[in-house]
């Protein structure tokens, strides 16, 4: 199994892409550290993974709070003496009421919320684990950007704040890769397009068939993604198969350009 005896932290692990990733890592032997702010969803994930025979260590943690992140990392290192993998899956556009606001209708408060939600947790978790990974001489960090980072996308037409934040993830990924590379630590990202998570799925179903077909025409594979589609690419980047891959953002958009 690819992740046998690997200690893997996954944030936003109880839903969507994070959950799909957590289940793959656990299924393939990882000692999973599942991090989420939703205790009920975290409990459900714990039962699912344990029923599949996986190893899970659930943490109810707000990754936007520095002290909680440090407490998490200290606990993991104290228990396992290492951290092999970090998947930063926290993010999204729907944290603000009008996630499609044009720049002239976007408040500073909304701008700040989007940046906090999409960048702060990734920064805090990465900065908290990086010294341990350097000390080990190895480690894999995988971040979540978005195809919206190119300037928007056809579904939802997200705000300029979200577009800028996800572009920031790409740049952050490259910089961390450059800094950490000499220590054997890789940092990569994926850039999903429409993915039928628990949050996005209902919004997709509310669209008319005509609108769905119009959106699908822009995707080479003629379908939207499932969380597992994204999780499989994350798992590759977190595995030893990707030892010579770093600083890269993989477009997981089904061919939507």
C-alpha atoms as a PDB file:
ATOM      1  CA  UNK A   1       0.000   0.000   0.000  1.00  0.00           C
ATOM      2  CA  UNK A   2       1.339   3.404  -1.000  1.00  0.00           C
ATOM      3  CA  UNK A   3       0.839   5.084   2.362  1.00  0.00           C
ATOM      4  CA  UNK A   4       1.639   2.284   4.784  1.00  0.00           C
ATOM      5  CA  UNK A   5       3.042   3.803   8.009  1.00  0.00           C
ATOM      6  CA  UNK A   6       2.744   7.341   6.624  1.00  0.00           C
ATOM      7  CA  UNK A   7       1.333  10.021   8.925  1.00  0.00           C
ATOM      8  CA  UNK A   8      -1.010  12.203   6.892  1.00  0.00           C
ATOM      9  CA  UNK A   9      -2.784  15.366   8.031  1.00  0.00           C
ATOM     10  CA  UNK A  10      -5.821  16.307   5.936  1.00  0.00           C
ATOM     11  CA  UNK A  11      -7.703  19.522   6.680  1.00  0.00           C
ATOM     12  CA  UNK A  12     -11.385  19.967   5.815  1.00  0.00           C
ATOM     13  CA  UNK A  13     -11.354  16.177   5.999  1.00  0.00           C
ATOM     14  CA  UNK A  14     -15.022  15.608   6.762  1.00  0.00           C
ATOM     15  CA  UNK A  15     -16.523  16.787   3.468  1.00  0.00           C
ATOM     16  CA  UNK A  16     -15.913  17.088  -0.245  1.00  0.00           C
ATOM     17  CA  UNK A  17     -12.441  16.733  -1.716  1.00  0.00           C
ATOM     18  CA  UNK A  18     -10.893  16.567   1.742  1.00  0.00           C
ATOM     19  CA  UNK A  19     -13.087  13.635   2.718  1.00  0.00           C
ATOM     20  CA  UNK A  20     -12.425  11.752  -0.499  1.00  0.00           C
ATOM     21  CA  UNK A  21      -8.698  12.288   0.004  1.00  0.00           C
ATOM     22  CA  UNK A  22      -8.831  11.190   3.639  1.00  0.00           C
ATOM     23  CA  UNK A  23     -10.571   7.956   2.684  1.00  0.00           C
ATOM     24  CA  UNK A  24      -8.059   7.115  -0.049  1.00  0.00           C
ATOM     25  CA  UNK A  25      -5.082   7.744   2.229  1.00  0.00           C
ATOM     26  CA  UNK A  26      -6.594   5.677   5.047  1.00  0.00           C
ATOM     27  CA  UNK A  27      -7.570   2.896   2.651  1.00  0.00           C
ATOM     28  CA  UNK A  28      -3.977   2.716   1.432  1.00  0.00           C
ATOM     29  CA  UNK A  29      -2.473   2.380   4.886  1.00  0.00           C
ATOM     30  CA  UNK A  30      -1.933   5.905   6.194  1.00  0.00           C
ATOM     31  CA  UNK A  31      -2.175   6.846   9.837  1.00  0.00           C
ATOM     32  CA  UNK A  32      -4.756   9.534   9.074  1.00  0.00           C
ATOM     33  CA  UNK A  33      -5.039  12.747  11.058  1.00  0.00           C
ATOM     34  CA  UNK A  34      -8.447  14.068  10.015  1.00  0.00           C
ATOM     35  CA  UNK A  35      -8.947  17.752  10.782  1.00  0.00           C
ATOM     36  CA  UNK A  36     -12.269  19.543  10.571  1.00  0.00           C
ATOM     37  CA  UNK A  37     -14.292  22.178  12.392  1.00  0.00           C
ATOM     38  CA  UNK A  38     -17.556  20.212  12.144  1.00  0.00           C
ATOM     39  CA  UNK A  39     -17.708  17.641  14.975  1.00  0.00           C
ATOM     40  CA  UNK A  40     -20.734  15.764  13.620  1.00  0.00           C
ATOM     41  CA  UNK A  41     -19.239  15.346  10.152  1.00  0.00           C
ATOM     42  CA  UNK A  42     -15.925  14.361  11.719  1.00  0.00           C
ATOM     43  CA  UNK A  43     -17.609  11.692  13.825  1.00  0.00           C
ATOM     44  CA  UNK A  44     -19.334  10.315  10.729  1.00  0.00           C
ATOM     45  CA  UNK A  45     -16.031  10.165   8.836  1.00  0.00           C
ATOM     46  CA  UNK A  46     -14.370   8.430  11.772  1.00  0.00           C
ATOM     47  CA  UNK A  47     -16.993   5.685  11.784  1.00  0.00           C
ATOM     48  CA  UNK A  48     -16.764   5.229   8.008  1.00  0.00           C
ATOM     49  CA  UNK A  49     -12.989   4.873   8.023  1.00  0.00           C
ATOM     50  CA  UNK A  50     -12.941   2.590  11.059  1.00  0.00           C
ATOM     51  CA  UNK A  51     -15.585   0.396   9.414  1.00  0.00           C
ATOM     52  CA  UNK A  52     -13.253   0.078   6.422  1.00  0.00           C
ATOM     53  CA  UNK A  53     -10.403  -0.969   8.706  1.00  0.00           C
ATOM     54  CA  UNK A  54      -8.508   2.313   8.446  1.00  0.00           C
ATOM     55  CA  UNK A  55      -6.580   4.193  11.112  1.00  0.00           C
ATOM     56  CA  UNK A  56      -7.974   7.645  11.920  1.00  0.00           C
ATOM     57  CA  UNK A  57      -7.145  10.265  14.514  1.00  0.00           C
ATOM     58  CA  UNK A  58      -9.878  12.948  14.412  1.00  0.00           C
ATOM     59  CA  UNK A  59      -9.126  16.526  15.472  1.00  0.00           C
ATOM     60  CA  UNK A  60     -11.792  19.199  15.813  1.00  0.00           C
ATOM     61  CA  UNK A  61      -9.576  22.145  14.905  1.00  0.00           C
ATOM     62  CA  UNK A  62     -10.107  25.579  13.397  1.00  0.00           C
ATOM     63  CA  UNK A  63      -7.126  25.920  11.075  1.00  0.00           C
ATOM     64  CA  UNK A  64      -7.620  29.687  10.930  1.00  0.00           C
ATOM     65  CA  UNK A  65      -6.511  29.894  14.574  1.00  0.00           C
ATOM     66  CA  UNK A  66      -2.734  29.767  14.980  1.00  0.00           C
ATOM     67  CA  UNK A  67      -2.751  28.366  18.508  1.00  0.00           C
ATOM     68  CA  UNK A  68      -5.083  25.523  17.515  1.00  0.00           C
ATOM     69  CA  UNK A  69      -2.928  24.640  14.512  1.00  0.00           C
ATOM     70  CA  UNK A  70       0.216  24.553  16.623  1.00  0.00           C
ATOM     71  CA  UNK A  71      -1.518  22.419  19.241  1.00  0.00           C
ATOM     72  CA  UNK A  72      -2.573  20.006  16.491  1.00  0.00           C
ATOM     73  CA  UNK A  73       0.922  19.709  15.043  1.00  0.00           C
ATOM     74  CA  UNK A  74       2.536  19.347  18.467  1.00  0.00           C
ATOM     75  CA  UNK A  75       0.097  16.552  19.303  1.00  0.00           C
ATOM     76  CA  UNK A  76       0.754  14.708  16.042  1.00  0.00           C
ATOM     77  CA  UNK A  77       4.534  14.950  16.390  1.00  0.00           C
ATOM     78  CA  UNK A  78       4.302  13.972  20.051  1.00  0.00           C
ATOM     79  CA  UNK A  79       2.336  10.854  19.134  1.00  0.00           C
ATOM     80  CA  UNK A  80       3.991   9.744  15.899  1.00  0.00           C
ATOM     81  CA  UNK A  81       7.354  11.577  15.899  1.00  0.00           C
ATOM     82  CA  UNK A  82       6.835  12.594  12.285  1.00  0.00           C
ATOM     83  CA  UNK A  83       4.513  14.143   9.704  1.00  0.00           C
ATOM     84  CA  UNK A  84       4.833  12.703   6.210  1.00  0.00           C
ATOM     85  CA  UNK A  85       1.939  14.373   4.406  1.00  0.00           C
ATOM     86  CA  UNK A  86      -0.089  17.576   4.719  1.00  0.00           C
ATOM     87  CA  UNK A  87      -3.137  18.148   2.515  1.00  0.00           C
ATOM     88  CA  UNK A  88      -4.503  21.681   2.828  1.00  0.00           C
ATOM     89  CA  UNK A  89      -8.099  21.257   1.660  1.00  0.00           C
ATOM     90  CA  UNK A  90      -9.770  24.194   3.437  1.00  0.00           C
ATOM     91  CA  UNK A  91     -11.197  26.811   1.079  1.00  0.00           C
ATOM     92  CA  UNK A  92     -14.135  27.890  -1.034  1.00  0.00           C
ATOM     93  CA  UNK A  93     -16.109  30.882  -2.245  1.00  0.00           C
ATOM     94  CA  UNK A  94     -19.447  30.467  -0.481  1.00  0.00           C
ATOM     95  CA  UNK A  95     -18.248  31.771   2.883  1.00  0.00           C
ATOM     96  CA  UNK A  96     -19.582  35.196   1.860  1.00  0.00           C
ATOM     97  CA  UNK A  97     -23.231  35.878   1.053  1.00  0.00           C
ATOM     98  CA  UNK A  98     -22.654  37.100  -2.493  1.00  0.00           C
ATOM     99  CA  UNK A  99     -19.930  34.825  -3.821  1.00  0.00           C
ATOM    100  CA  UNK A 100     -20.372  36.253  -7.332  1.00  0.00           C
ATOM    101  CA  UNK A 101     -20.023  39.929  -6.405  1.00  0.00           C
ATOM    102  CA  UNK A 102     -18.324  42.089  -9.026  1.00  0.00           C
ATOM    103  CA  UNK A 103     -15.362  44.126  -7.841  1.00  0.00           C
ATOM    104  CA  UNK A 104     -17.457  47.295  -7.502  1.00  0.00           C
ATOM    105  CA  UNK A 105     -19.932  45.433  -5.276  1.00  0.00           C
ATOM    106  CA  UNK A 106     -17.376  43.552  -3.190  1.00  0.00           C
ATOM    107  CA  UNK A 107     -16.904  44.865   0.331  1.00  0.00           C
ATOM    108  CA  UNK A 108     -13.546  44.954   2.068  1.00  0.00           C
ATOM    109  CA  UNK A 109     -14.998  42.647   4.715  1.00  0.00           C
ATOM    110  CA  UNK A 110     -15.932  40.061   2.078  1.00  0.00           C
ATOM    111  CA  UNK A 111     -12.508  40.393   0.447  1.00  0.00           C
ATOM    112  CA  UNK A 112     -10.822  39.781   3.789  1.00  0.00           C
ATOM    113  CA  UNK A 113     -13.047  36.788   4.593  1.00  0.00           C
ATOM    114  CA  UNK A 114     -12.278  35.097   1.281  1.00  0.00           C
ATOM    115  CA  UNK A 115      -8.541  35.612   1.700  1.00  0.00           C
ATOM    116  CA  UNK A 116      -8.632  34.397   5.298  1.00  0.00           C
ATOM    117  CA  UNK A 117     -10.592  31.284   4.396  1.00  0.00           C
ATOM    118  CA  UNK A 118      -8.558  30.332   1.351  1.00  0.00           C
ATOM    119  CA  UNK A 119      -5.022  31.373   2.294  1.00  0.00           C
ATOM    120  CA  UNK A 120      -4.640  31.728   6.057  1.00  0.00           C
ATOM    121  CA  UNK A 121      -5.243  28.092   6.964  1.00  0.00           C
ATOM    122  CA  UNK A 122      -2.930  26.875   4.218  1.00  0.00           C
ATOM    123  CA  UNK A 123      -0.205  29.217   5.455  1.00  0.00           C
ATOM    124  CA  UNK A 124      -0.656  28.346   9.134  1.00  0.00           C
ATOM    125  CA  UNK A 125      -0.665  24.585   8.585  1.00  0.00           C
ATOM    126  CA  UNK A 126       2.265  24.685   6.180  1.00  0.00           C
ATOM    127  CA  UNK A 127       4.379  26.884   8.436  1.00  0.00           C
ATOM    128  CA  UNK A 128       3.564  24.659  11.419  1.00  0.00           C
ATOM    129  CA  UNK A 129       4.679  21.387   9.767  1.00  0.00           C
ATOM    130  CA  UNK A 130       7.551  22.571   7.608  1.00  0.00           C
ATOM    131  CA  UNK A 131      10.284  22.470  10.266  1.00  0.00           C
ATOM    132  CA  UNK A 132       9.365  18.912  11.219  1.00  0.00           C
ATOM    133  CA  UNK A 133       9.450  17.859   7.564  1.00  0.00           C
ATOM    134  CA  UNK A 134      12.820  19.565   7.054  1.00  0.00           C
ATOM    135  CA  UNK A 135      14.171  17.806  10.133  1.00  0.00           C
ATOM    136  CA  UNK A 136      12.991  14.454   8.722  1.00  0.00           C
ATOM    137  CA  UNK A 137      14.488  15.197   5.316  1.00  0.00           C
ATOM    138  CA  UNK A 138      11.197  14.453   3.560  1.00  0.00           C
ATOM    139  CA  UNK A 139       7.549  15.432   3.381  1.00  0.00           C
ATOM    140  CA  UNK A 140       4.704  16.060   0.961  1.00  0.00           C
ATOM    141  CA  UNK A 141       2.477  19.149   1.007  1.00  0.00           C
ATOM    142  CA  UNK A 142      -0.515  19.378  -1.331  1.00  0.00           C
ATOM    143  CA  UNK A 143      -2.648  22.517  -1.623  1.00  0.00           C
ATOM    144  CA  UNK A 144      -5.976  23.255  -3.308  1.00  0.00           C
ATOM    145  CA  UNK A 145      -6.058  26.068  -5.840  1.00  0.00           C
ATOM    146  CA  UNK A 146      -8.802  26.337  -8.495  1.00  0.00           C
ATOM    147  CA  UNK A 147      -9.153  26.753 -12.222  1.00  0.00           C
ATOM    148  CA  UNK A 148     -10.806  30.044 -11.234  1.00  0.00           C
ATOM    149  CA  UNK A 149      -7.274  31.332 -10.617  1.00  0.00           C
ATOM    150  CA  UNK A 150      -7.046  31.947 -14.365  1.00  0.00           C
ATOM    151  CA  UNK A 151      -9.524  34.790 -13.949  1.00  0.00           C
ATOM    152  CA  UNK A 152     -12.874  33.182 -13.277  1.00  0.00           C
ATOM    153  CA  UNK A 153     -14.797  30.209 -14.577  1.00  0.00           C
ATOM    154  CA  UNK A 154     -18.087  29.402 -16.213  1.00  0.00           C
ATOM    155  CA  UNK A 155     -19.861  28.004 -13.189  1.00  0.00           C
ATOM    156  CA  UNK A 156     -20.715  30.573 -10.576  1.00  0.00           C
ATOM    157  CA  UNK A 157     -18.431  33.298 -11.964  1.00  0.00           C
ATOM    158  CA  UNK A 158     -16.720  33.719  -8.576  1.00  0.00           C
ATOM    159  CA  UNK A 159     -15.667  37.050  -7.156  1.00  0.00           C
ATOM    160  CA  UNK A 160     -12.334  38.709  -7.830  1.00  0.00           C
ATOM    161  CA  UNK A 161     -11.422  37.965  -4.203  1.00  0.00           C
ATOM    162  CA  UNK A 162     -11.762  34.210  -4.745  1.00  0.00           C
ATOM    163  CA  UNK A 163      -9.903  34.354  -8.050  1.00  0.00           C
ATOM    164  CA  UNK A 164      -7.047  36.296  -6.452  1.00  0.00           C
ATOM    165  CA  UNK A 165      -6.913  34.025  -3.396  1.00  0.00           C
ATOM    166  CA  UNK A 166      -6.674  30.875  -5.496  1.00  0.00           C
ATOM    167  CA  UNK A 167      -4.003  32.490  -7.669  1.00  0.00           C
ATOM    168  CA  UNK A 168      -2.215  33.195  -4.403  1.00  0.00           C
ATOM    169  CA  UNK A 169      -2.269  29.484  -3.574  1.00  0.00           C
ATOM    170  CA  UNK A 170      -0.444  28.767  -6.834  1.00  0.00           C
ATOM    171  CA  UNK A 171       2.260  31.331  -6.072  1.00  0.00           C
ATOM    172  CA  UNK A 172       2.536  30.195  -2.440  1.00  0.00           C
ATOM    173  CA  UNK A 173       2.950  26.603  -3.611  1.00  0.00           C
ATOM    174  CA  UNK A 174       5.825  27.519  -5.920  1.00  0.00           C
ATOM    175  CA  UNK A 175       7.603  29.559  -3.263  1.00  0.00           C
ATOM    176  CA  UNK A 176       7.305  26.872  -0.576  1.00  0.00           C
ATOM    177  CA  UNK A 177       8.552  24.289  -3.079  1.00  0.00           C
ATOM    178  CA  UNK A 178      11.618  26.413  -3.762  1.00  0.00           C
ATOM    179  CA  UNK A 179      12.345  26.963  -0.058  1.00  0.00           C
ATOM    180  CA  UNK A 180      11.711  23.389   1.068  1.00  0.00           C
ATOM    181  CA  UNK A 181      13.164  21.501  -1.886  1.00  0.00           C
ATOM    182  CA  UNK A 182      16.740  21.344  -0.578  1.00  0.00           C
ATOM    183  CA  UNK A 183      15.400  19.517   2.481  1.00  0.00           C
ATOM    184  CA  UNK A 184      13.609  16.813   0.497  1.00  0.00           C
ATOM    185  CA  UNK A 185      10.163  18.358   0.969  1.00  0.00           C
ATOM    186  CA  UNK A 186       7.820  18.790  -1.995  1.00  0.00           C
ATOM    187  CA  UNK A 187       4.911  21.191  -2.322  1.00  0.00           C
ATOM    188  CA  UNK A 188       2.338  20.925  -5.093  1.00  0.00           C
ATOM    189  CA  UNK A 189      -1.277  21.845  -5.748  1.00  0.00           C
ATOM    190  CA  UNK A 190      -4.283  20.868  -7.796  1.00  0.00           C
ATOM    191  CA  UNK A 191      -6.656  23.262  -9.544  1.00  0.00           C
ATOM    192  CA  UNK A 192     -10.141  21.717  -9.608  1.00  0.00           C
ATOM    193  CA  UNK A 193     -13.018  22.907 -11.713  1.00  0.00           C
ATOM    194  CA  UNK A 194     -16.637  22.079 -10.878  1.00  0.00           C
ATOM    195  CA  UNK A 195     -16.604  19.221  -8.364  1.00  0.00           C
ATOM    196  CA  UNK A 196     -19.804  17.694  -7.000  1.00  0.00           C
ATOM    197  CA  UNK A 197     -19.036  18.013  -3.310  1.00  0.00           C
ATOM    198  CA  UNK A 198     -21.731  18.225  -0.647  1.00  0.00           C
ATOM    199  CA  UNK A 199     -21.661  21.997  -1.082  1.00  0.00           C
ATOM    200  CA  UNK A 200     -21.502  22.276  -4.872  1.00  0.00           C
ATOM    201  CA  UNK A 201     -23.639  19.265  -5.820  1.00  0.00           C
ATOM    202  CA  UNK A 202     -27.006  20.765  -4.802  1.00  0.00           C
ATOM    203  CA  UNK A 203     -26.193  23.994  -6.642  1.00  0.00           C
ATOM    204  CA  UNK A 204     -25.394  22.000  -9.772  1.00  0.00           C
ATOM    205  CA  UNK A 205     -28.675  20.099  -9.583  1.00  0.00           C
ATOM    206  CA  UNK A 206     -30.616  23.355  -9.318  1.00  0.00           C
ATOM    207  CA  UNK A 207     -29.418  24.410 -12.756  1.00  0.00           C
ATOM    208  CA  UNK A 208     -31.582  23.824 -15.802  1.00  0.00           C
ATOM    209  CA  UNK A 209     -30.642  21.009 -18.182  1.00  0.00           C
ATOM    210  CA  UNK A 210     -29.937  23.599 -20.854  1.00  0.00           C
ATOM    211  CA  UNK A 211     -27.557  25.452 -18.574  1.00  0.00           C
ATOM    212  CA  UNK A 212     -25.814  22.230 -17.537  1.00  0.00           C
ATOM    213  CA  UNK A 213     -25.246  21.274 -21.164  1.00  0.00           C
ATOM    214  CA  UNK A 214     -23.886  24.720 -21.923  1.00  0.00           C
ATOM    215  CA  UNK A 215     -21.377  24.403 -19.107  1.00  0.00           C
ATOM    216  CA  UNK A 216     -20.434  20.840 -20.067  1.00  0.00           C
ATOM    217  CA  UNK A 217     -19.638  21.960 -23.613  1.00  0.00           C
ATOM    218  CA  UNK A 218     -16.641  23.815 -22.202  1.00  0.00           C
ATOM    219  CA  UNK A 219     -15.254  20.631 -20.604  1.00  0.00           C
ATOM    220  CA  UNK A 220     -13.378  18.224 -22.869  1.00  0.00           C
ATOM    221  CA  UNK A 221     -14.513  15.164 -20.889  1.00  0.00           C
ATOM    222  CA  UNK A 222     -18.162  16.344 -20.963  1.00  0.00           C
ATOM    223  CA  UNK A 223     -18.787  15.743 -17.285  1.00  0.00           C
ATOM    224  CA  UNK A 224     -18.162  17.497 -14.001  1.00  0.00           C
ATOM    225  CA  UNK A 225     -15.815  16.009 -11.432  1.00  0.00           C
ATOM    226  CA  UNK A 226     -16.557  13.856  -8.436  1.00  0.00           C
ATOM    227  CA  UNK A 227     -14.519  14.475  -5.262  1.00  0.00           C
ATOM    228  CA  UNK A 228     -12.752  11.155  -5.874  1.00  0.00           C
ATOM    229  CA  UNK A 229     -11.426  12.451  -9.207  1.00  0.00           C
ATOM    230  CA  UNK A 230      -9.607  15.221  -7.376  1.00  0.00           C
ATOM    231  CA  UNK A 231      -8.562  13.025  -4.450  1.00  0.00           C
ATOM    232  CA  UNK A 232      -6.780  10.546  -6.717  1.00  0.00           C
ATOM    233  CA  UNK A 233      -4.526  13.293  -8.066  1.00  0.00           C
ATOM    234  CA  UNK A 234      -3.858  14.563  -4.545  1.00  0.00           C
ATOM    235  CA  UNK A 235      -2.936  11.019  -3.520  1.00  0.00           C
ATOM    236  CA  UNK A 236      -0.471  10.806  -6.407  1.00  0.00           C
ATOM    237  CA  UNK A 237       1.188  14.068  -5.347  1.00  0.00           C
ATOM    238  CA  UNK A 238       1.339  12.816  -1.747  1.00  0.00           C
ATOM    239  CA  UNK A 239       2.935   9.517  -2.776  1.00  0.00           C
ATOM    240  CA  UNK A 240       6.503   8.494  -3.511  1.00  0.00           C
ATOM    241  CA  UNK A 241       5.520   8.279  -7.182  1.00  0.00           C
ATOM    242  CA  UNK A 242       5.736  12.091  -7.176  1.00  0.00           C
ATOM    243  CA  UNK A 243       9.148  12.361  -5.508  1.00  0.00           C
ATOM    244  CA  UNK A 244      10.519  14.449  -8.397  1.00  0.00           C
ATOM    245  CA  UNK A 245       7.473  16.676  -8.755  1.00  0.00           C
ATOM    246  CA  UNK A 246       7.394  19.979  -6.885  1.00  0.00           C
ATOM    247  CA  UNK A 247       6.143  23.529  -7.359  1.00  0.00           C
ATOM    248  CA  UNK A 248       3.495  22.299  -9.791  1.00  0.00           C
ATOM    249  CA  UNK A 249      -0.224  23.051  -9.924  1.00  0.00           C
ATOM    250  CA  UNK A 250      -2.014  20.283 -11.818  1.00  0.00           C
ATOM    251  CA  UNK A 251      -5.133  21.340 -13.697  1.00  0.00           C
ATOM    252  CA  UNK A 252      -7.835  18.874 -12.655  1.00  0.00           C
ATOM    253  CA  UNK A 253     -10.537  20.485 -14.751  1.00  0.00           C
ATOM    254  CA  UNK A 254     -11.469  17.698 -17.140  1.00  0.00           C
ATOM    255  CA  UNK A 255      -9.992  19.730 -19.964  1.00  0.00           C
ATOM    256  CA  UNK A 256     -11.719  23.054 -19.422  1.00  0.00           C
ATOM    257  CA  UNK A 257      -9.542  25.810 -20.862  1.00  0.00           C
END
